[in-house]
């Protein structure tokens, strides 16, 4: 239901059934997706998702909610089972809860596809029964979220579909589009996300092939399912001059220049890089634009954000150091104050990163089940990441507009949780100790050994 479940025709046979119907072990191994990744689409990889730990579905309501995203793992005992019951409390045998009716839970057994009363490998137990309680008490599920941070794009279904004859497709040779990029709608979306303005969306053609679209044409309704891309971009504003970074084409080069707001260049971030939306084959290397060589992870230059104010536009609050118990310092929120050192932090641009206080020069870590700023040897440093402009922890819980951690998991539609870096130093992720910082000097964008320029992110959806 969430779109993360693999295609039914790619689910391998059980070993027992395979050995009966195939040509021995070699035929069975050929059906194993793990051993033959080129023959099977891995939905989790194809669709850029984050696995943020596991959750416990401890009540009927929570289990039903978890089942909307896929099967839920559970375990139980088959000993000391009371009359009329299917199982008892314990953890001796594992199954997956795969669905429910008004009065039953549906579980998938591990004895093959044709086992059981229903001849499909499943069995049922009554909701509210002892067995039901046993199943729910041990019901766990992966927290799966779409990874918007990978290329900062999302897709909107085209209502009414599109006409195949209206479409103009992305130049495959120019943008390195391969058959693997068109394996399914997930791989097509992933590739399109990295192509900025060159790719407007994806479509399923009548031939069964998935293609990347550069122009949807007249917009007439048709019989082909399609998705239009929306790229989440950033504009970099220099605080002191109030100028923006722009990109100017000169002969065969793209140069960075200082421009007014209406000329600002949009970038999208990926793997700690700034990639040009209008020129997606180029990314920011030092103070110039250079061609992307290889994949996005192979790009040489990457960036981080130092001495930032982390701001929420809805509440007007920023992250701030606050006093905790026993003289500790915790992370909270306070009214935006650009001059306060207690509101300055070093954070990452993408991927997993730590929150480090600029004033204390120590990270946010867990010590005795409490999040505090400390470098204690027994403390566990916590990792965070961006996802659709929200800051989420390793369990997928976002910081809210009031700067506290939500008890609920990440939701794309919770736009009020968006955080915006302000007054940041933009610096090389791997400093050389020389010209490591992007600055503006005398109206020119240069690299400097001094972090004396502050940059603010402004967001846009294109």
Foldseek 3Di string as FASTA:
>chain_A
DQQQDFDPVLDAFDPVVCCVPHDHDVSSVVSDCVNPVVVGPNSCVLQAKAFQFKDAQQDPVSCQVQLVVFKWKFAFAAPPADPPFRTAADGDAIWIFNQADPFKTKIAADPGLQDDDVGGRIDIGTPPDRVNNRGRNGIMDTDMGHFCQAQQKDKDKQPLAADPVQFDFQDCVVLVDDQQCFVDQSSVVVSLSLQFQQFFWWKQDPVRTITTTNDRGPSDGDDIIIITMKGKWKWKAWPPVRWTWAWDDDPPFIATFTHHPVRTWTFTDHPQWTAGNVHSQWTDDFRGIDGADDDPNPRDFGKWWFFWWKAFPVQQKTWFWDADPPRFIAIFIDHDDVVDQRRTWTFGPFDKTFTARPVVRFTFWADPNDTTGDPDPPTGTWIWGDGLQFIATSNQWTQANRRHTDPDHDDNPRVSRHIWIWFIWMFTPDDPQAQTTFAADPRHTGTGSDSPIGITIDIDID
